[in-house]
Amino acid sequence: MAKSPFAKRDEQYELSRRALIKWTVAAGAALGVSRSRIFDILEGSAGSGVAYAAAANPTTRSVHIVAGNGGLAWFQLLWPQVDVAMAANPNFAWHKPGEASIIPGTFKPLAMGPDTPFATLPAARQMTGFLCGNNETHTGQPVSTTLLNGNNVHAIAAVLQSSNPSVIPAITVGQTSLGTAPGAPVAAQVGGADEAVGLFNSAASRAGGLLAMSTHASLYKAQYDAFAQLNRAAGRSTQKKSYGTASGAAGFLGTNLAAKLALQPEDLTLYGIDGTTRNNVRNIATMLIFAVKAFKMGLTNSVVLPAMNDDPHGAFADGSVNSVPGQLKKVFDGFMTHLSNTTDDVTLTTLADDIVFTIAGDTTKNPLDRNGWPDGTPGNTNMMFVYGGGHLKTGWFGRVLANGNVEGFDANGAATAYNGANTARLALASVAYAIAKRDERLISPFANGITISGKLGNPKDQ
């Protein structure tokens, strides 16, 4: 279809605006003007819209939690199936029968209990639940809730985020994997939070290193920047990003960031971690703490981490359901508070306004049977929990009914017969849509014609 004159005009305006932003940022850098001052100048000369476009990352940061070996079951105690929670049935696998309520204002119904995180967030910032994919009991790397048309959603996120400057584009932890997608970077693999911090412990900047003295580090960075500015290739659109990344790396070599990323006692307090916290819950918290600190400094765009991996068949029998969900609530509430109280060093916005995170895994176990909490799920279903940062419609798409029947959802978000593959495609395209900040054009190479705007996601102009 031919573009209308108005569409052509708007496209040309966007190109002109991008050119203005690039020129102003480049000129400001050459003159030694701080980035925040550049945004002030742009706002005064070209308006707040242009200034915002210059400051904002075009895509969000993301955290992807992969709960394996039955560990996903814990999370359906935080955000339960509505019919299960509201039934108040003491035989169902929800640990607070009779204490459920419906969160007001969400697009689809969303139930909460005493251990549900984010209870005080606005309805538009609540969780989105997707009944999608298939039961994949006892695996640490599920595929039915990670692969979108053959591409891993973690890798898709990294591709979408490639326009956001970072030192290490993505970090994977333990058994997790970035997977593959066209154009995806190579992730840094670490064993845990301490190793992740170690990625930014510059040997050159440590005692005895070549750049240990601050004067040496500054001189090294200045020399590289001078070289880049003298090299004509540095100004080419095809080379500019590479030189910008290298300039950041040159500065990083002389800066030991490990101290800024290291876990502090006050961090653990914020996330509710103490001597009674289970190690697998603590491990989630320490990686989330690292992620917030790394996002703040623009060091990475995405973190993929494992969770729980404890196959909790006996959780109701041994009373673990009375402690673990509450510990997880403290961790996620601490995470949101940390994000809300942290300003991005680059965009100068709070990280809570620039984050998407997902929770997926192998099996939720049967939400209708607490006796031994069986691995089998009604209709062979699986679930994904998504914090869409306001970009997605909130509440549950698809549901497990109290009588054991299940419902799926179609491309319009309406109830239909359950199909694990179809619902997974829609859920994963929705995750990509949220990370792309509602830009359907960005996700089109992966979504293969799926439309999220106005259906599962909020429209771009909203």
Protein backbone atom coordinates (compact mmCIF):
# COMPACT_ATOMS: atom_id res chain seq x y z
CA MET A 1 0.00 0.00 0.00
CA ALA A 2 1.37 3.39 -0.98
CA LYS A 3 2.16 5.76 1.86
CA SER A 4 -0.09 8.77 2.28
CA PRO A 5 1.41 12.29 2.05
CA PHE A 6 0.89 12.60 5.81
CA ALA A 7 2.74 9.36 6.52
CA LYS A 8 5.63 10.50 4.32
CA ARG A 9 5.68 13.86 6.09
CA ASP A 10 5.73 12.21 9.53
CA GLU A 11 8.48 9.83 8.43
CA GLN A 12 10.62 12.69 7.17
CA TYR A 13 10.01 14.59 10.40
CA GLU A 14 11.16 11.59 12.43
CA LEU A 15 14.32 11.27 10.34
CA SER A 16 15.03 14.99 10.74
CA ARG A 17 14.46 14.76 14.46
CA ARG A 18 16.85 11.82 14.76
CA ALA A 19 19.46 13.74 12.78
CA LEU A 20 19.10 16.73 15.10
CA ILE A 21 19.45 14.53 18.17
CA LYS A 22 22.52 12.73 16.82
CA TRP A 23 24.20 15.98 15.78
CA THR A 24 23.49 17.68 19.11
CA VAL A 25 24.69 14.75 21.23
CA ALA A 26 27.84 14.37 19.12
CA ALA A 27 28.59 18.09 19.18
CA GLY A 28 27.99 18.25 22.92
CA ALA A 29 30.37 15.37 23.52
CA ALA A 30 33.07 17.04 21.43
CA LEU A 31 32.66 20.27 23.41
CA GLY A 32 32.63 18.53 26.77
CA VAL A 33 28.99 19.33 27.55
CA SER A 34 27.32 16.88 29.96
CA ARG A 35 24.56 14.72 28.58
CA SER A 36 21.98 16.13 30.98
CA ARG A 37 22.90 19.66 29.83
CA ILE A 38 22.52 18.56 26.21
CA PHE A 39 18.95 17.47 26.96
CA ASP A 40 18.24 20.85 28.56
CA ILE A 41 19.52 22.60 25.44
CA LEU A 42 17.42 20.38 23.17
CA GLU A 43 14.32 21.03 25.24
CA GLY A 44 14.84 24.79 25.02
CA SER A 45 15.57 24.83 21.30
CA ALA A 46 13.46 22.02 19.87
CA GLY A 47 10.87 21.17 22.51
CA SER A 48 10.37 18.56 25.18
CA GLY A 49 9.46 15.85 22.67
CA VAL A 50 12.85 15.98 21.00
CA ALA A 51 14.64 16.19 24.35
CA TYR A 52 12.75 13.17 25.62
CA ALA A 53 13.56 11.19 22.48
CA ALA A 54 17.24 11.97 22.95
CA ALA A 55 17.26 10.95 26.60
CA ALA A 56 15.07 7.85 26.49
CA ASN A 57 16.20 4.37 25.56
CA PRO A 58 14.12 3.14 22.62
CA THR A 59 13.55 -0.19 24.40
CA THR A 60 13.31 -1.26 28.01
CA ARG A 61 15.79 -3.24 30.07
CA SER A 62 14.62 -6.73 30.99
CA VAL A 63 15.00 -9.50 33.55
CA HIS A 64 14.00 -13.06 32.68
CA ILE A 65 13.48 -15.56 35.51
CA VAL A 66 13.52 -19.23 34.50
CA ALA A 67 12.11 -21.43 37.27
CA GLY A 68 13.06 -25.04 36.58
CA ASN A 69 12.53 -28.47 38.13
CA GLY A 70 9.04 -27.64 39.35
CA GLY A 71 10.11 -24.29 40.78
CA LEU A 72 7.56 -22.35 38.75
CA ALA A 73 4.86 -23.74 41.05
CA TRP A 74 5.88 -21.28 43.80
CA PHE A 75 4.96 -18.32 41.61
CA GLN A 76 1.35 -19.40 41.09
CA LEU A 77 1.02 -18.95 44.86
CA LEU A 78 1.97 -15.28 44.39
CA TRP A 79 -0.30 -14.64 41.39
CA PRO A 80 -2.88 -17.43 41.58
CA GLN A 81 -5.39 -18.52 39.03
CA VAL A 82 -8.48 -16.44 39.79
CA ASP A 83 -10.99 -19.29 39.96
CA VAL A 84 -8.66 -21.36 42.13
CA ALA A 85 -8.00 -18.59 44.64
CA MET A 86 -11.58 -17.35 44.82
CA ALA A 87 -12.99 -20.86 45.34
CA ALA A 88 -11.66 -20.91 48.93
CA ASN A 89 -11.30 -24.68 48.59
CA PRO A 90 -8.87 -26.07 51.21
CA ASN A 91 -7.99 -28.98 48.90
CA PHE A 92 -6.77 -26.72 46.10
CA ALA A 93 -3.07 -25.91 45.82
CA TRP A 94 -3.39 -22.34 47.00
CA HIS A 95 -2.10 -21.71 50.47
CA LYS A 96 -4.45 -18.93 51.62
CA PRO A 97 -8.01 -20.21 51.05
CA GLY A 98 -10.60 -17.65 52.00
CA GLU A 99 -8.12 -14.74 51.87
CA ALA A 100 -8.26 -13.90 48.16
CA SER A 101 -9.60 -10.71 46.64
CA ILE A 102 -9.76 -9.24 43.15
CA ILE A 103 -7.39 -6.38 42.35
CA PRO A 104 -9.61 -3.53 41.10
CA GLY A 105 -9.15 -1.96 37.69
CA THR A 106 -7.08 -4.54 35.81
CA PHE A 107 -8.08 -5.28 32.21
CA LYS A 108 -8.70 -8.96 32.98
CA PRO A 109 -9.39 -10.31 36.48
CA LEU A 110 -6.34 -10.70 38.71
CA ALA A 111 -6.55 -12.22 42.17
CA MET A 112 -4.31 -11.41 45.10
CA GLY A 113 -3.64 -12.77 48.55
CA PRO A 114 -1.44 -11.88 51.52
CA ASP A 115 1.71 -12.97 49.64
CA THR A 116 1.03 -11.23 46.32
CA PRO A 117 3.73 -8.66 45.42
CA PHE A 118 2.99 -5.16 44.07
CA ALA A 119 -0.37 -4.94 45.83
CA THR A 120 -0.20 -1.15 45.98
CA LEU A 121 0.77 -0.55 42.35
CA PRO A 122 -1.80 1.03 40.01
CA ALA A 123 -3.94 -1.39 38.01
CA ALA A 124 -2.07 -0.55 34.79
CA ARG A 125 1.23 -1.61 36.43
CA GLN A 126 0.00 -4.92 37.78
CA MET A 127 1.10 -8.28 36.42
CA THR A 128 -0.08 -9.92 33.22
CA GLY A 129 -0.61 -13.67 33.42
CA PHE A 130 -0.66 -15.92 30.39
CA LEU A 131 -1.93 -19.50 30.44
CA CYS A 132 0.33 -20.69 27.61
CA GLY A 133 2.70 -23.37 26.41
CA ASN A 134 2.86 -26.94 27.66
CA ASN A 135 3.82 -28.77 30.83
CA GLU A 136 7.57 -29.54 30.64
CA THR A 137 8.11 -31.16 34.03
CA HIS A 138 11.69 -31.44 35.31
CA THR A 139 13.66 -29.30 32.93
CA GLY A 140 15.70 -26.19 33.59
CA GLN A 141 15.38 -24.88 30.04
CA PRO A 142 11.74 -24.92 28.92
CA VAL A 143 11.06 -24.27 25.25
CA SER A 144 7.27 -24.04 24.94
CA THR A 145 7.25 -20.72 26.85
CA THR A 146 10.49 -19.29 25.45
CA LEU A 147 10.50 -19.90 21.69
CA LEU A 148 8.67 -17.45 19.43
CA ASN A 149 8.63 -18.78 15.87
CA GLY A 150 11.89 -20.60 16.57
CA ASN A 151 13.66 -17.66 18.25
CA ASN A 152 14.34 -17.51 21.99
CA VAL A 153 12.56 -14.58 23.67
CA HIS A 154 15.71 -13.84 25.71
CA ALA A 155 17.71 -13.46 22.50
CA ILE A 156 14.89 -11.42 20.92
CA ALA A 157 15.06 -9.06 23.89
CA ALA A 158 18.81 -8.64 23.39
CA VAL A 159 18.31 -7.87 19.69
CA LEU A 160 15.66 -5.26 20.46
CA GLN A 161 17.89 -3.73 23.13
CA SER A 162 20.93 -3.45 20.84
CA SER A 163 20.18 0.24 20.29
CA ASN A 164 20.68 0.87 24.03
CA PRO A 165 24.39 1.45 24.77
CA SER A 166 25.91 -1.06 27.20
CA VAL A 167 29.24 -2.67 28.09
CA ILE A 168 27.89 -6.24 28.15
CA PRO A 169 24.56 -6.56 26.30
CA ALA A 170 23.20 -9.56 28.22
CA ILE A 171 24.20 -11.70 31.20
CA THR A 172 23.00 -15.26 31.80
CA VAL A 173 23.31 -17.08 35.10
CA GLY A 174 23.91 -20.74 35.84
CA GLN A 175 21.99 -23.14 33.61
CA THR A 176 20.07 -20.41 31.79
CA SER A 177 20.74 -19.53 28.18
CA LEU A 178 20.18 -16.54 25.91
CA GLY A 179 19.29 -18.87 23.06
CA THR A 180 19.37 -17.70 19.48
CA ALA A 181 17.75 -15.09 17.27
CA PRO A 182 19.10 -13.31 14.17
CA GLY A 183 21.39 -10.50 15.30
CA ALA A 184 21.57 -11.59 18.93
CA PRO A 185 24.81 -10.84 20.82
CA VAL A 186 26.84 -13.34 22.80
CA ALA A 187 25.86 -13.27 26.47
CA ALA A 188 28.30 -13.29 29.36
CA GLN A 189 27.74 -16.46 31.40
CA VAL A 190 28.23 -16.30 35.18
CA GLY A 191 27.60 -18.57 38.12
CA GLY A 192 25.90 -16.01 40.34
CA ALA A 193 25.86 -12.45 41.62
CA ASP A 194 29.49 -12.43 42.77
CA GLU A 195 30.72 -13.54 39.34
CA ALA A 196 28.46 -10.99 37.69
CA VAL A 197 30.06 -8.23 39.78
CA GLY A 198 33.46 -9.62 38.82
CA LEU A 199 32.74 -8.95 35.14
CA PHE A 200 33.19 -5.25 35.90
CA ASN A 201 36.21 -5.58 38.17
CA SER A 202 38.74 -4.04 35.79
CA ALA A 203 42.19 -5.56 36.25
CA ALA A 204 43.74 -2.40 34.78
CA SER A 205 42.19 -0.26 37.51
CA ARG A 206 43.08 -2.44 40.51
CA ALA A 207 46.06 -1.74 42.74
CA GLY A 208 49.20 -2.29 40.72
CA GLY A 209 47.35 -2.10 37.40
CA LEU A 210 48.41 0.13 34.53
CA LEU A 211 45.50 2.49 35.14
CA ALA A 212 45.33 2.32 38.93
CA MET A 213 46.07 6.04 39.26
CA SER A 214 43.10 8.20 38.32
CA THR A 215 45.29 10.52 36.26
CA HIS A 216 46.49 7.58 34.16
CA ALA A 217 42.91 6.33 33.68
CA SER A 218 41.65 9.76 32.61
CA LEU A 219 44.56 10.23 30.23
CA TYR A 220 43.94 6.83 28.62
CA LYS A 221 40.26 7.66 28.06
CA ALA A 222 41.11 11.10 26.68
CA GLN A 223 43.66 9.63 24.29
CA TYR A 224 41.15 7.15 22.90
CA ASP A 225 38.47 9.82 22.46
CA ALA A 226 40.94 12.10 20.69
CA PHE A 227 41.87 9.27 18.35
CA ALA A 228 38.20 8.59 17.61
CA GLN A 229 37.47 12.24 16.86
CA LEU A 230 40.44 12.46 14.51
CA ASN A 231 39.40 9.33 12.67
CA ARG A 232 36.94 10.18 9.91
CA ALA A 233 35.29 6.77 10.24
CA ALA A 234 34.10 7.64 13.74
CA GLY A 235 31.48 9.97 12.30
CA ARG A 236 29.98 7.46 9.88
CA SER A 237 26.61 6.03 10.85
CA THR A 238 27.96 2.52 10.35
CA GLN A 239 30.89 3.11 12.71
CA LYS A 240 29.56 5.59 15.24
CA LYS A 241 28.02 3.01 17.55
CA SER A 242 31.21 0.92 17.57
CA TYR A 243 33.33 3.94 18.47
CA GLY A 244 30.84 4.93 21.16
CA THR A 245 30.95 1.46 22.69
CA ALA A 246 34.75 1.40 22.52
CA SER A 247 34.94 4.83 24.14
CA GLY A 248 32.80 3.56 26.99
CA ALA A 249 35.02 0.50 27.31
CA ALA A 250 38.09 2.72 27.40
CA GLY A 251 36.60 4.59 30.32
CA PHE A 252 35.59 1.33 31.97
CA LEU A 253 39.17 0.01 31.87
CA GLY A 254 40.18 2.80 34.19
CA THR A 255 37.19 2.49 36.49
CA ASN A 256 36.72 -0.35 38.95
CA LEU A 257 32.95 -0.68 39.18
CA ALA A 258 32.92 -3.77 41.39
CA ALA A 259 32.58 -1.69 44.55
CA LYS A 260 29.51 0.08 43.15
CA LEU A 261 27.91 -3.22 42.16
CA ALA A 262 28.80 -5.20 45.27
CA LEU A 263 26.09 -6.44 47.59
CA GLN A 264 25.63 -4.26 50.68
CA PRO A 265 23.84 -5.07 53.97
CA GLU A 266 21.22 -2.39 53.27
CA ASP A 267 20.44 -4.10 49.95
CA LEU A 268 19.63 -7.35 51.73
CA THR A 269 17.46 -5.48 54.22
CA LEU A 270 15.51 -3.80 51.41
CA TYR A 271 14.79 -7.19 49.83
CA GLY A 272 13.80 -8.77 53.15
CA ILE A 273 16.75 -11.15 53.25
CA ASP A 274 17.81 -12.42 56.67
CA GLY A 275 19.02 -15.60 58.33
CA THR A 276 15.67 -17.32 57.82
CA THR A 277 15.55 -16.80 54.04
CA ARG A 278 15.97 -19.89 51.88
CA ASN A 279 19.12 -19.94 49.77
CA ASN A 280 17.23 -20.29 46.49
CA VAL A 281 15.15 -17.21 47.36
CA ARG A 282 18.28 -15.33 48.42
CA ASN A 283 19.92 -16.17 45.09
CA ILE A 284 17.05 -14.53 43.21
CA ALA A 285 17.38 -11.43 45.39
CA THR A 286 21.13 -11.03 44.92
CA MET A 287 20.83 -11.21 41.14
CA LEU A 288 17.98 -8.69 41.11
CA ILE A 289 20.05 -6.35 43.28
CA PHE A 290 22.94 -6.67 40.83
CA ALA A 291 20.60 -6.10 37.87
CA VAL A 292 19.27 -2.81 39.25
CA LYS A 293 22.78 -1.49 39.94
CA ALA A 294 24.06 -2.57 36.52
CA PHE A 295 21.03 -1.09 34.74
CA LYS A 296 21.55 2.20 36.55
CA MET A 297 25.05 2.56 35.11
CA GLY A 298 24.12 1.29 31.64
CA LEU A 299 26.43 -1.71 32.01
CA THR A 300 23.97 -4.26 30.66
CA ASN A 301 20.48 -4.41 29.21
CA SER A 302 19.26 -7.86 30.17
CA VAL A 303 19.77 -10.50 32.86
CA VAL A 304 18.53 -14.10 32.61
CA LEU A 305 18.58 -16.06 35.86
CA PRO A 306 17.41 -19.43 37.18
CA ALA A 307 15.01 -19.71 40.10
CA MET A 308 14.05 -22.17 42.83
CA ASN A 309 14.77 -25.54 41.09
CA ASP A 310 13.50 -27.37 44.18
CA ASP A 311 10.55 -29.51 42.96
CA PRO A 312 8.26 -28.63 45.91
CA HIS A 313 5.95 -31.66 45.98
CA GLY A 314 5.89 -31.59 49.78
CA ALA A 315 5.45 -27.85 50.24
CA PHE A 316 1.92 -28.14 51.64
CA ALA A 317 2.73 -31.14 53.81
CA ASP A 318 5.86 -29.67 55.40
CA GLY A 319 4.48 -26.14 55.80
CA SER A 320 6.90 -24.47 53.36
CA VAL A 321 3.93 -22.70 51.78
CA ASN A 322 3.64 -20.70 54.99
CA SER A 323 7.11 -19.15 54.61
CA VAL A 324 8.51 -19.31 51.07
CA PRO A 325 5.77 -17.28 49.29
CA GLY A 326 6.15 -14.53 51.90
CA GLN A 327 9.91 -14.49 51.33
CA LEU A 328 9.39 -14.19 47.59
CA LYS A 329 6.92 -11.34 48.11
CA LYS A 330 9.53 -9.42 50.11
CA VAL A 331 12.10 -9.95 47.35
CA PHE A 332 9.82 -8.71 44.56
CA ASP A 333 8.49 -5.80 46.56
CA GLY A 334 12.09 -4.88 47.40
CA PHE A 335 12.98 -5.15 43.71
CA MET A 336 10.19 -2.75 42.74
CA THR A 337 11.14 -0.31 45.50
CA HIS A 338 14.78 -0.49 44.39
CA LEU A 339 13.78 0.20 40.78
CA SER A 340 11.49 3.06 41.82
CA ASN A 341 14.20 4.71 43.92
CA THR A 342 16.95 4.36 41.29
CA THR A 343 17.57 6.90 38.52
CA ASP A 344 19.16 5.76 35.27
CA ASP A 345 22.50 7.53 34.85
CA VAL A 346 21.91 7.89 31.10
CA THR A 347 18.21 8.66 30.68
CA LEU A 348 17.69 10.32 34.08
CA THR A 349 14.39 8.43 34.51
CA THR A 350 13.53 5.93 37.24
CA LEU A 351 14.27 2.34 36.34
CA ALA A 352 10.74 1.30 37.31
CA ASP A 353 9.55 3.15 34.20
CA ASP A 354 12.00 1.29 31.95
CA ILE A 355 11.81 -2.38 32.88
CA VAL A 356 10.03 -5.55 31.78
CA PHE A 357 10.46 -8.86 33.53
CA THR A 358 9.18 -12.35 32.91
CA ILE A 359 8.81 -15.51 35.00
CA ALA A 360 8.46 -18.80 33.15
CA GLY A 361 9.46 -22.40 33.75
CA ASP A 362 8.78 -26.08 33.37
CA THR A 363 5.56 -26.69 35.32
CA THR A 364 3.26 -24.94 37.77
CA LYS A 365 2.14 -28.31 39.18
CA ASN A 366 -1.57 -28.93 39.58
CA PRO A 367 -3.27 -25.88 41.13
CA LEU A 368 -6.32 -28.00 42.00
CA ASP A 369 -4.56 -30.59 44.18
CA ARG A 370 -2.33 -29.84 47.16
CA ASN A 371 -1.94 -33.52 48.13
CA GLY A 372 1.62 -34.20 46.99
CA TRP A 373 1.23 -31.25 44.62
CA PRO A 374 1.34 -33.38 41.45
CA ASP A 375 3.40 -32.35 38.40
CA GLY A 376 0.53 -32.82 35.97
CA THR A 377 -1.41 -29.71 35.03
CA PRO A 378 -5.03 -29.36 33.83
CA GLY A 379 -5.09 -29.60 30.04
CA ASN A 380 -1.26 -29.96 30.01
CA THR A 381 -1.09 -26.17 30.51
CA ASN A 382 1.79 -23.97 31.56
CA MET A 383 1.97 -20.34 32.68
CA MET A 384 4.00 -17.18 32.19
CA PHE A 385 3.98 -14.17 34.50
CA VAL A 386 4.95 -10.81 32.99
CA TYR A 387 5.51 -7.38 34.44
CA GLY A 388 4.89 -5.28 31.34
CA GLY A 389 5.76 -1.88 32.78
CA GLY A 390 2.43 -0.42 31.73
CA HIS A 391 2.80 -1.57 28.11
CA LEU A 392 0.57 -4.65 28.42
CA LYS A 393 -3.02 -5.14 29.46
CA THR A 394 -3.02 -6.56 32.98
CA GLY A 395 -4.70 -9.61 34.50
CA TRP A 396 -5.04 -13.22 33.36
CA PHE A 397 -5.34 -14.24 29.72
CA GLY A 398 -6.54 -17.84 29.83
CA ARG A 399 -7.63 -19.59 32.98
CA VAL A 400 -7.87 -22.83 34.91
CA LEU A 401 -11.43 -23.26 36.15
CA ALA A 402 -12.32 -24.74 39.52
CA ASN A 403 -13.89 -27.78 37.80
CA GLY A 404 -10.60 -28.62 36.04
CA ASN A 405 -11.50 -27.24 32.62
CA VAL A 406 -9.17 -24.74 30.95
CA GLU A 407 -9.62 -21.80 28.61
CA GLY A 408 -7.11 -20.32 26.23
CA PHE A 409 -7.23 -16.96 24.48
CA ASP A 410 -7.11 -15.81 20.89
CA ALA A 411 -5.28 -12.99 19.09
CA ASN A 412 -7.88 -10.53 20.35
CA GLY A 413 -7.50 -11.66 23.94
CA ALA A 414 -10.91 -13.34 23.95
CA ALA A 415 -11.53 -16.73 25.57
CA THR A 416 -11.24 -19.76 23.29
CA ALA A 417 -10.27 -23.42 23.40
CA TYR A 418 -6.80 -23.91 24.85
CA ASN A 419 -3.92 -24.37 22.41
CA GLY A 420 -0.53 -24.22 24.10
CA ALA A 421 1.46 -23.34 20.99
CA ASN A 422 -0.89 -20.54 19.90
CA THR A 423 -1.13 -18.94 23.33
CA ALA A 424 2.65 -19.11 23.76
CA ARG A 425 3.20 -17.27 20.48
CA LEU A 426 0.83 -14.52 21.59
CA ALA A 427 2.37 -14.29 25.06
CA LEU A 428 5.94 -14.12 23.77
CA ALA A 429 5.06 -11.55 21.11
CA SER A 430 3.49 -9.52 23.93
CA VAL A 431 6.76 -9.67 25.91
CA ALA A 432 8.67 -8.44 22.86
CA TYR A 433 6.07 -5.68 22.35
CA ALA A 434 6.52 -4.46 25.92
CA ILE A 435 10.32 -4.46 25.63
CA ALA A 436 10.02 -2.55 22.34
CA LYS A 437 7.88 0.06 24.13
CA ARG A 438 4.85 -0.72 21.96
CA ASP A 439 6.71 -0.35 18.66
CA GLU A 440 5.13 -3.05 16.51
CA ARG A 441 7.60 -2.37 13.70
CA LEU A 442 10.52 -3.42 15.89
CA ILE A 443 9.02 -6.80 16.72
CA SER A 444 7.69 -7.61 13.24
CA PRO A 445 10.73 -9.73 12.23
CA PHE A 446 9.93 -12.07 15.12
CA ALA A 447 6.14 -11.76 15.53
CA ASN A 448 5.32 -12.91 11.98
CA GLY A 449 2.14 -10.91 11.63
CA ILE A 450 0.91 -11.03 15.24
CA THR A 451 -0.62 -7.72 16.30
CA ILE A 452 -0.40 -6.88 20.00
CA SER A 453 -1.40 -3.20 20.06
CA GLY A 454 -4.91 -2.69 21.37
CA LYS A 455 -5.42 -6.41 21.92
CA LEU A 456 -3.01 -7.83 24.46
CA GLY A 457 -0.98 -4.64 24.71
CA ASN A 458 -1.82 -1.00 25.18
CA PRO A 459 -1.72 1.15 22.01
CA LYS A 460 1.41 3.13 21.32
CA ASP A 461 -0.28 6.51 21.62
CA GLN A 462 -1.77 5.71 25.03
